[in-house]
PDB file of N, CA and C in Angstrom:
ATOM      1  N   MET A   1      -6.967   3.108  -4.043  1.00  0.00           N
ATOM      2  CA  MET A   1      -6.467   2.678  -5.320  1.00  0.00           C
ATOM      3  C   MET A   1      -6.153   3.928  -6.141  1.00  0.00           C
ATOM      4  N   TYR A   2      -5.021   3.931  -6.776  1.00  0.00           N
ATOM      5  CA  TYR A   2      -4.553   5.054  -7.575  1.00  0.00           C
ATOM      6  C   TYR A   2      -4.547   4.642  -9.039  1.00  0.00           C
ATOM      7  N   PRO A   3      -5.542   5.081  -9.811  1.00  0.00           N
ATOM      8  CA  PRO A   3      -5.616   4.681 -11.224  1.00  0.00           C
ATOM      9  C   PRO A   3      -4.394   5.142 -12.003  1.00  0.00           C
ATOM     10  N   ASN A   4      -3.992   4.314 -12.940  1.00  0.00           N
ATOM     11  CA  ASN A   4      -2.880   4.651 -13.812  1.00  0.00           C
ATOM     12  C   ASN A   4      -3.351   5.616 -14.889  1.00  0.00           C
ATOM     13  N   LYS A   5      -2.485   6.506 -15.282  1.00  0.00           N
ATOM     14  CA  LYS A   5      -2.741   7.428 -16.389  1.00  0.00           C
ATOM     15  C   LYS A   5      -1.402   7.757 -17.026  1.00  0.00           C
ATOM     16  N   PRO A   6      -1.420   8.202 -18.265  1.00  0.00           N
ATOM     17  CA  PRO A   6      -0.141   8.551 -18.899  1.00  0.00           C
ATOM     18  C   PRO A   6       0.601   9.614 -18.074  1.00  0.00           C
ATOM     19  N   ASP A   7       1.868   9.390 -17.871  1.00  0.00           N
ATOM     20  CA  ASP A   7       2.728  10.331 -17.145  1.00  0.00           C
ATOM     21  C   ASP A   7       2.285  10.573 -15.702  1.00  0.00           C
ATOM     22  N   ALA A   8       1.678   9.585 -15.073  1.00  0.00           N
ATOM     23  CA  ALA A   8       1.291   9.725 -13.669  1.00  0.00           C
ATOM     24  C   ALA A   8       2.543   9.928 -12.815  1.00  0.00           C
ATOM     25  N   ARG A   9       2.453  10.875 -11.889  1.00  0.00           N
ATOM     26  CA  ARG A   9       3.539  11.076 -10.925  1.00  0.00           C
ATOM     27  C   ARG A   9       3.169  10.301  -9.677  1.00  0.00           C
ATOM     28  N   PHE A  10       4.050   9.417  -9.250  1.00  0.00           N
ATOM     29  CA  PHE A  10       3.813   8.637  -8.042  1.00  0.00           C
ATOM     30  C   PHE A  10       5.164   8.313  -7.420  1.00  0.00           C
ATOM     31  N   ASP A  11       5.415   8.874  -6.248  1.00  0.00           N
ATOM     32  CA  ASP A  11       6.676   8.674  -5.540  1.00  0.00           C
ATOM     33  C   ASP A  11       6.521   7.463  -4.616  1.00  0.00           C
ATOM     34  N   ASP A  12       6.976   6.307  -5.101  1.00  0.00           N
ATOM     35  CA  ASP A  12       6.834   5.066  -4.351  1.00  0.00           C
ATOM     36  C   ASP A  12       7.497   5.152  -2.973  1.00  0.00           C
ATOM     37  N   ASP A  13       8.672   5.766  -2.912  1.00  0.00           N
ATOM     38  CA  ASP A  13       9.384   5.849  -1.634  1.00  0.00           C
ATOM     39  C   ASP A  13       8.583   6.652  -0.616  1.00  0.00           C
ATOM     40  N   TYR A  14       8.073   7.801  -1.019  1.00  0.00           N
ATOM     41  CA  TYR A  14       7.290   8.621  -0.089  1.00  0.00           C
ATOM     42  C   TYR A  14       6.063   7.840   0.380  1.00  0.00           C
ATOM     43  N   TYR A  15       5.397   7.203  -0.562  1.00  0.00           N
ATOM     44  CA  TYR A  15       4.185   6.434  -0.258  1.00  0.00           C
ATOM     45  C   TYR A  15       4.471   5.362   0.801  1.00  0.00           C
ATOM     46  N   CYS A  16       5.554   4.617   0.615  1.00  0.00           N
ATOM     47  CA  CYS A  16       5.887   3.526   1.512  1.00  0.00           C
ATOM     48  C   CYS A  16       6.525   3.975   2.826  1.00  0.00           C
ATOM     49  N   ILE A  17       7.361   4.993   2.761  1.00  0.00           N
ATOM     50  CA  ILE A  17       8.149   5.404   3.936  1.00  0.00           C
ATOM     51  C   ILE A  17       7.432   6.449   4.790  1.00  0.00           C
ATOM     52  N   LYS A  18       6.577   7.275   4.182  1.00  0.00           N
ATOM     53  CA  LYS A  18       5.947   8.356   4.935  1.00  0.00           C
ATOM     54  C   LYS A  18       4.420   8.265   4.987  1.00  0.00           C
ATOM     55  N   HIS A  19       3.772   8.075   3.816  1.00  0.00           N
ATOM     56  CA  HIS A  19       2.318   8.155   3.793  1.00  0.00           C
ATOM     57  C   HIS A  19       1.648   7.010   4.560  1.00  0.00           C
ATOM     58  N   LEU A  20       1.996   5.785   4.229  1.00  0.00           N
ATOM     59  CA  LEU A  20       1.348   4.676   4.922  1.00  0.00           C
ATOM     60  C   LEU A  20       1.706   4.609   6.403  1.00  0.00           C
ATOM     61  N   PRO A  21       2.947   4.896   6.807  1.00  0.00           N
ATOM     62  CA  PRO A  21       3.203   4.994   8.246  1.00  0.00           C
ATOM     63  C   PRO A  21       2.403   6.131   8.926  1.00  0.00           C
ATOM     64  N   LEU A  22       2.126   7.217   8.196  1.00  0.00           N
ATOM     65  CA  LEU A  22       1.262   8.267   8.743  1.00  0.00           C
ATOM     66  C   LEU A  22      -0.120   7.697   9.055  1.00  0.00           C
ATOM     67  N   ILE A  23      -0.668   6.952   8.101  1.00  0.00           N
ATOM     68  CA  ILE A  23      -1.981   6.330   8.313  1.00  0.00           C
ATOM     69  C   ILE A  23      -1.932   5.409   9.533  1.00  0.00           C
ATOM     70  N   LYS A  24      -0.912   4.576   9.602  1.00  0.00           N
ATOM     71  CA  LYS A  24      -0.772   3.646  10.727  1.00  0.00           C
ATOM     72  C   LYS A  24      -0.679   4.397  12.047  1.00  0.00           C
ATOM     73  N   SER A  25       0.097   5.461  12.086  1.00  0.00           N
ATOM     74  CA  SER A  25       0.257   6.192  13.344  1.00  0.00           C
ATOM     75  C   SER A  25      -1.046   6.851  13.775  1.00  0.00           C
ATOM     76  N   ARG A  26      -1.848   7.313  12.827  1.00  0.00           N
ATOM     77  CA  ARG A  26      -3.115   7.971  13.173  1.00  0.00           C
ATOM     78  C   ARG A  26      -4.188   6.964  13.560  1.00  0.00           C
ATOM     79  N   MET A  27      -4.198   5.825  12.917  1.00  0.00           N
ATOM     80  CA  MET A  27      -5.241   4.828  13.205  1.00  0.00           C
ATOM     81  C   MET A  27      -4.920   3.977  14.426  1.00  0.00           C
ATOM     82  N   GLY A  28      -3.656   3.946  14.832  1.00  0.00           N
ATOM     83  CA  GLY A  28      -3.274   3.217  16.022  1.00  0.00           C
ATOM     84  C   GLY A  28      -3.589   1.728  15.943  1.00  0.00           C
ATOM     85  N   GLY A  29      -4.012   1.187  17.074  1.00  0.00           N
ATOM     86  CA  GLY A  29      -4.261  -0.244  17.185  1.00  0.00           C
ATOM     87  C   GLY A  29      -5.426  -0.751  16.353  1.00  0.00           C
ATOM     88  N   ALA A  30      -6.276   0.157  15.876  1.00  0.00           N
ATOM     89  CA  ALA A  30      -7.404  -0.273  15.034  1.00  0.00           C
ATOM     90  C   ALA A  30      -6.912  -0.840  13.712  1.00  0.00           C
ATOM     91  N   LEU A  31      -5.773  -0.341  13.242  1.00  0.00           N
ATOM     92  CA  LEU A  31      -5.191  -0.840  11.986  1.00  0.00           C
ATOM     93  C   LEU A  31      -4.246  -1.981  12.337  1.00  0.00           C
ATOM     94  N   LYS A  32      -4.669  -3.192  12.035  1.00  0.00           N
ATOM     95  CA  LYS A  32      -3.865  -4.366  12.370  1.00  0.00           C
ATOM     96  C   LYS A  32      -2.626  -4.442  11.503  1.00  0.00           C
ATOM     97  N   TYR A  33      -2.792  -4.220  10.207  1.00  0.00           N
ATOM     98  CA  TYR A  33      -1.658  -4.130   9.282  1.00  0.00           C
ATOM     99  C   TYR A  33      -2.169  -3.625   7.946  1.00  0.00           C
ATOM    100  N   TYR A  34      -1.225  -3.272   7.089  1.00  0.00           N
ATOM    101  CA  TYR A  34      -1.585  -2.851   5.742  1.00  0.00           C
ATOM    102  C   TYR A  34      -0.676  -3.556   4.745  1.00  0.00           C
ATOM    103  N   THR A  35      -1.168  -3.657   3.525  1.00  0.00           N
ATOM    104  CA  THR A  35      -0.366  -4.202   2.441  1.00  0.00           C
ATOM    105  C   THR A  35      -0.365  -3.195   1.308  1.00  0.00           C
ATOM    106  N   ILE A  36       0.646  -3.284   0.470  1.00  0.00           N
ATOM    107  CA  ILE A  36       0.797  -2.379  -0.668  1.00  0.00           C
ATOM    108  C   ILE A  36       0.917  -3.212  -1.934  1.00  0.00           C
ATOM    109  N   ASP A  37       0.128  -2.857  -2.939  1.00  0.00           N
ATOM    110  CA  ASP A  37       0.281  -3.433  -4.275  1.00  0.00           C
ATOM    111  C   ASP A  37       0.735  -2.290  -5.180  1.00  0.00           C
ATOM    112  N   LYS A  38       1.869  -2.486  -5.831  1.00  0.00           N
ATOM    113  CA  LYS A  38       2.392  -1.461  -6.741  1.00  0.00           C
ATOM    114  C   LYS A  38       2.392  -1.996  -8.164  1.00  0.00           C
ATOM    115  N   GLY A  39       2.057  -1.114  -9.097  1.00  0.00           N
ATOM    116  CA  GLY A  39       2.064  -1.492 -10.503  1.00  0.00           C
ATOM    117  C   GLY A  39       3.474  -1.770 -10.991  1.00  0.00           C
ATOM    118  N   LEU A  40       3.578  -2.638 -11.955  1.00  0.00           N
ATOM    119  CA  LEU A  40       4.861  -2.957 -12.552  1.00  0.00           C
ATOM    120  C   LEU A  40       5.151  -2.016 -13.705  1.00  0.00           C
ATOM    121  N   ALA A  41       6.391  -1.954 -14.117  1.00  0.00           N
ATOM    122  CA  ALA A  41       6.779  -1.128 -15.259  1.00  0.00           C
ATOM    123  C   ALA A  41       6.942  -1.994 -16.498  1.00  0.00           C
ATOM    124  N   ASP A  42       6.666  -1.405 -17.646  1.00  0.00           N
ATOM    125  CA  ASP A  42       6.900  -2.128 -18.896  1.00  0.00           C
ATOM    126  C   ASP A  42       8.375  -2.026 -19.272  1.00  0.00           C
ATOM    127  N   ARG A  43       8.756  -2.543 -20.410  1.00  0.00           N
ATOM    128  CA  ARG A  43      10.178  -2.573 -20.767  1.00  0.00           C
ATOM    129  C   ARG A  43      10.781  -1.198 -20.992  1.00  0.00           C
ATOM    130  N   ASP A  44       9.913  -0.169 -21.202  1.00  0.00           N
ATOM    131  CA  ASP A  44      10.405   1.197 -21.369  1.00  0.00           C
ATOM    132  C   ASP A  44      10.343   2.004 -20.070  1.00  0.00           C
ATOM    133  N   GLY A  45      10.007   1.334 -18.964  1.00  0.00           N
ATOM    134  CA  GLY A  45       9.972   2.007 -17.667  1.00  0.00           C
ATOM    135  C   GLY A  45       8.649   2.681 -17.359  1.00  0.00           C
ATOM    136  N   ARG A  46       7.663   2.561 -18.235  1.00  0.00           N
ATOM    137  CA  ARG A  46       6.345   3.143 -17.972  1.00  0.00           C
ATOM    138  C   ARG A  46       5.552   2.179 -17.095  1.00  0.00           C
ATOM    139  N   ARG A  47       4.720   2.745 -16.246  1.00  0.00           N
ATOM    140  CA  ARG A  47       3.880   1.906 -15.396  1.00  0.00           C
ATOM    141  C   ARG A  47       2.851   1.178 -16.244  1.00  0.00           C
ATOM    142  N   ALA A  48       2.729  -0.087 -16.014  1.00  0.00           N
ATOM    143  CA  ALA A  48       1.749  -0.901 -16.727  1.00  0.00           C
ATOM    144  C   ALA A  48       0.597  -1.226 -15.789  1.00  0.00           C
ATOM    145  N   GLY A  49      -0.539  -1.515 -16.317  1.00  0.00           N
ATOM    146  CA  GLY A  49      -1.673  -1.940 -15.501  1.00  0.00           C
ATOM    147  C   GLY A  49      -2.657  -0.820 -15.241  1.00  0.00           C
ATOM    148  N   ALA A  50      -3.766  -1.192 -14.667  1.00  0.00           N
ATOM    149  CA  ALA A  50      -4.865  -0.249 -14.424  1.00  0.00           C
ATOM    150  C   ALA A  50      -4.584   0.699 -13.262  1.00  0.00           C
ATOM    151  N   TYR A  51      -3.752   0.274 -12.323  1.00  0.00           N
ATOM    152  CA  TYR A  51      -3.480   1.089 -11.139  1.00  0.00           C
ATOM    153  C   TYR A  51      -1.986   1.275 -10.942  1.00  0.00           C
ATOM    154  N   VAL A  52      -1.608   2.464 -10.495  1.00  0.00           N
ATOM    155  CA  VAL A  52      -0.220   2.747 -10.136  1.00  0.00           C
ATOM    156  C   VAL A  52       0.108   2.017  -8.839  1.00  0.00           C
ATOM    157  N   ALA A  53      -0.825   2.081  -7.891  1.00  0.00           N
ATOM    158  CA  ALA A  53      -0.649   1.440  -6.588  1.00  0.00           C
ATOM    159  C   ALA A  53      -1.998   1.362  -5.892  1.00  0.00           C
ATOM    160  N   MET A  54      -2.041   0.506  -4.903  1.00  0.00           N
ATOM    161  CA  MET A  54      -3.205   0.459  -4.002  1.00  0.00           C
ATOM    162  C   MET A  54      -2.728  -0.095  -2.670  1.00  0.00           C
ATOM    163  N   CYS A  55      -3.457   0.255  -1.634  1.00  0.00           N
ATOM    164  CA  CYS A  55      -3.132  -0.323  -0.343  1.00  0.00           C
ATOM    165  C   CYS A  55      -4.395  -0.926   0.252  1.00  0.00           C
ATOM    166  N   HIS A  56      -4.195  -1.855   1.147  1.00  0.00           N
ATOM    167  CA  HIS A  56      -5.284  -2.527   1.831  1.00  0.00           C
ATOM    168  C   HIS A  56      -5.070  -2.299   3.324  1.00  0.00           C
ATOM    169  N   LEU A  57      -6.044  -1.672   3.966  1.00  0.00           N
ATOM    170  CA  LEU A  57      -5.985  -1.422   5.398  1.00  0.00           C
ATOM    171  C   LEU A  57      -6.822  -2.494   6.085  1.00  0.00           C
ATOM    172  N   LEU A  58      -6.232  -3.252   6.971  1.00  0.00           N
ATOM    173  CA  LEU A  58      -6.930  -4.360   7.594  1.00  0.00           C
ATOM    174  C   LEU A  58      -7.220  -4.067   9.069  1.00  0.00           C
ATOM    175  N   CYS A  59      -8.518  -4.030   9.364  1.00  0.00           N
ATOM    176  CA  CYS A  59      -9.018  -3.773  10.716  1.00  0.00           C
ATOM    177  C   CYS A  59      -9.969  -4.914  11.078  1.00  0.00           C
ATOM    178  N   ASP A  60     -10.347  -4.996  12.346  1.00  0.00           N
ATOM    179  CA  ASP A  60     -11.261  -6.046  12.770  1.00  0.00           C
ATOM    180  C   ASP A  60     -12.676  -5.846  12.240  1.00  0.00           C
ATOM    181  N   SER A  61     -13.067  -4.596  11.987  1.00  0.00           N
ATOM    182  CA  SER A  61     -14.415  -4.341  11.459  1.00  0.00           C
ATOM    183  C   SER A  61     -14.417  -3.031  10.677  1.00  0.00           C
ATOM    184  N   LEU A  62     -15.406  -2.882   9.838  1.00  0.00           N
ATOM    185  CA  LEU A  62     -15.560  -1.646   9.077  1.00  0.00           C
ATOM    186  C   LEU A  62     -15.823  -0.471  10.011  1.00  0.00           C
ATOM    187  N   ASP A  63     -16.625  -0.684  11.036  1.00  0.00           N
ATOM    188  CA  ASP A  63     -16.902   0.398  11.997  1.00  0.00           C
ATOM    189  C   ASP A  63     -15.626   0.836  12.708  1.00  0.00           C
ATOM    190  N   GLU A  64     -14.789  -0.121  13.090  1.00  0.00           N
ATOM    191  CA  GLU A  64     -13.532   0.232  13.757  1.00  0.00           C
ATOM    192  C   GLU A  64     -12.619   1.006  12.807  1.00  0.00           C
ATOM    193  N   CYS A  65     -12.590   0.604  11.559  1.00  0.00           N
ATOM    194  CA  CYS A  65     -11.789   1.303  10.553  1.00  0.00           C
ATOM    195  C   CYS A  65     -12.275   2.737  10.385  1.00  0.00           C
ATOM    196  N   ARG A  66     -13.574   2.905  10.223  1.00  0.00           N
ATOM    197  CA  ARG A  66     -14.138   4.255  10.053  1.00  0.00           C
ATOM    198  C   ARG A  66     -13.885   5.131  11.273  1.00  0.00           C
ATOM    199  N   SER A  67     -14.037   4.576  12.468  1.00  0.00           N
ATOM    200  CA  SER A  67     -13.816   5.365  13.687  1.00  0.00           C
ATOM    201  C   SER A  67     -12.373   5.818  13.821  1.00  0.00           C
ATOM    202  N   ALA A  68     -11.436   4.959  13.418  1.00  0.00           N
ATOM    203  CA  ALA A  68     -10.018   5.292  13.562  1.00  0.00           C
ATOM    204  C   ALA A  68      -9.539   6.197  12.440  1.00  0.00           C
ATOM    205  N   PHE A  69     -10.031   5.994  11.222  1.00  0.00           N
ATOM    206  CA  PHE A  69      -9.581   6.760  10.059  1.00  0.00           C
ATOM    207  C   PHE A  69     -10.270   8.127   9.984  1.00  0.00           C
ATOM    208  N   GLY A  70     -11.556   8.147  10.247  1.00  0.00           N
ATOM    209  CA  GLY A  70     -12.381   9.338  10.060  1.00  0.00           C
ATOM    210  C   GLY A  70     -11.827  10.629  10.645  1.00  0.00           C
ATOM    211  N   PRO A  71     -11.419  10.638  11.908  1.00  0.00           N
ATOM    212  CA  PRO A  71     -10.920  11.885  12.498  1.00  0.00           C
ATOM    213  C   PRO A  71      -9.650  12.421  11.839  1.00  0.00           C
ATOM    214  N   HIS A  72      -8.963  11.572  11.080  1.00  0.00           N
ATOM    215  CA  HIS A  72      -7.693  11.957  10.461  1.00  0.00           C
ATOM    216  C   HIS A  72      -7.779  12.022   8.941  1.00  0.00           C
ATOM    217  N   ALA A  73      -8.973  11.826   8.401  1.00  0.00           N
ATOM    218  CA  ALA A  73      -9.151  11.743   6.942  1.00  0.00           C
ATOM    219  C   ALA A  73      -8.627  12.983   6.232  1.00  0.00           C
ATOM    220  N   HIS A  74      -8.896  14.157   6.757  1.00  0.00           N
ATOM    221  CA  HIS A  74      -8.454  15.390   6.087  1.00  0.00           C
ATOM    222  C   HIS A  74      -6.919  15.452   6.034  1.00  0.00           C
ATOM    223  N   GLU A  75      -6.268  15.187   7.136  1.00  0.00           N
ATOM    224  CA  GLU A  75      -4.800  15.212   7.179  1.00  0.00           C
ATOM    225  C   GLU A  75      -4.215  14.181   6.209  1.00  0.00           C
ATOM    226  N   ILE A  76      -4.771  12.994   6.191  1.00  0.00           N
ATOM    227  CA  ILE A  76      -4.286  11.932   5.314  1.00  0.00           C
ATOM    228  C   ILE A  76      -4.510  12.310   3.850  1.00  0.00           C
ATOM    229  N   ASP A  77      -5.694  12.842   3.540  1.00  0.00           N
ATOM    230  CA  ASP A  77      -5.986  13.284   2.167  1.00  0.00           C
ATOM    231  C   ASP A  77      -5.044  14.397   1.722  1.00  0.00           C
ATOM    232  N   GLU A  78      -4.745  15.320   2.598  1.00  0.00           N
ATOM    233  CA  GLU A  78      -3.847  16.429   2.267  1.00  0.00           C
ATOM    234  C   GLU A  78      -2.434  15.938   1.953  1.00  0.00           C
ATOM    235  N   ASP A  79      -2.025  14.831   2.546  1.00  0.00           N
ATOM    236  CA  ASP A  79      -0.688  14.297   2.320  1.00  0.00           C
ATOM    237  C   ASP A  79      -0.536  13.664   0.931  1.00  0.00           C
ATOM    238  N   ILE A  80      -1.635  13.300   0.307  1.00  0.00           N
ATOM    239  CA  ILE A  80      -1.594  12.622  -0.997  1.00  0.00           C
ATOM    240  C   ILE A  80      -0.835  13.447  -2.031  1.00  0.00           C
ATOM    241  N   ARG A  81      -1.025  14.753  -2.027  1.00  0.00           N
ATOM    242  CA  ARG A  81      -0.353  15.595  -3.025  1.00  0.00           C
ATOM    243  C   ARG A  81       1.165  15.559  -2.904  1.00  0.00           C
ATOM    244  N   ASN A  82       1.681  15.090  -1.764  1.00  0.00           N
ATOM    245  CA  ASN A  82       3.129  14.997  -1.582  1.00  0.00           C
ATOM    246  C   ASN A  82       3.765  13.859  -2.376  1.00  0.00           C
ATOM    247  N   PHE A  83       2.967  12.903  -2.839  1.00  0.00           N
ATOM    248  CA  PHE A  83       3.558  11.782  -3.571  1.00  0.00           C
ATOM    249  C   PHE A  83       2.918  11.480  -4.919  1.00  0.00           C
ATOM    250  N   THR A  84       1.776  12.116  -5.241  1.00  0.00           N
ATOM    251  CA  THR A  84       1.158  11.791  -6.517  1.00  0.00           C
ATOM    252  C   THR A  84       0.263  12.926  -7.030  1.00  0.00           C
ATOM    253  N   ASP A  85       0.039  12.904  -8.341  1.00  0.00           N
ATOM    254  CA  ASP A  85      -0.933  13.801  -8.964  1.00  0.00           C
ATOM    255  C   ASP A  85      -2.173  13.015  -9.397  1.00  0.00           C
ATOM    256  N   VAL A  86      -2.247  11.762  -8.961  1.00  0.00           N
ATOM    257  CA  VAL A  86      -3.364  10.885  -9.282  1.00  0.00           C
ATOM    258  C   VAL A  86      -4.418  11.005  -8.172  1.00  0.00           C
ATOM    259  N   THR A  87      -5.682  11.086  -8.553  1.00  0.00           N
ATOM    260  CA  THR A  87      -6.767  11.132  -7.582  1.00  0.00           C
ATOM    261  C   THR A  87      -7.164   9.700  -7.235  1.00  0.00           C
ATOM    262  N   PRO A  88      -7.033   9.316  -5.962  1.00  0.00           N
ATOM    263  CA  PRO A  88      -7.378   7.947  -5.595  1.00  0.00           C
ATOM    264  C   PRO A  88      -8.881   7.697  -5.623  1.00  0.00           C
ATOM    265  N   ILE A  89      -9.216   6.439  -5.831  1.00  0.00           N
ATOM    266  CA  ILE A  89     -10.632   6.056  -5.751  1.00  0.00           C
ATOM    267  C   ILE A  89     -10.814   5.051  -4.638  1.00  0.00           C
TER     268      ILE A  89
END
C-alpha cells in the first residue's frame, strides 16, 4: 500500500507495465494473480484518498508467498524508486 501525501510522485504506467510484472516473473507459479487498486483524482487532478495505490498478491498460502517473494525482495524493493517517492507500508 502506498500512502497518499501532498505532491506524491507515482507513475501509474510504470507500476502497471513494469513493476507488477517484475513481481509476477520473480514469484512464478506461486503468485496466482494480482490486483491493483489505484486512487482516484479530485476535480483538480490531485489524488484523493488515503492511498495512491495498492496491490494484492494472491497465493495459495502465506508460506508459499514468502518463499517465492523473499529471495527477490531486495530487487523488488529497489525497483520502487523507479515509479514513486512514497514509502510503501
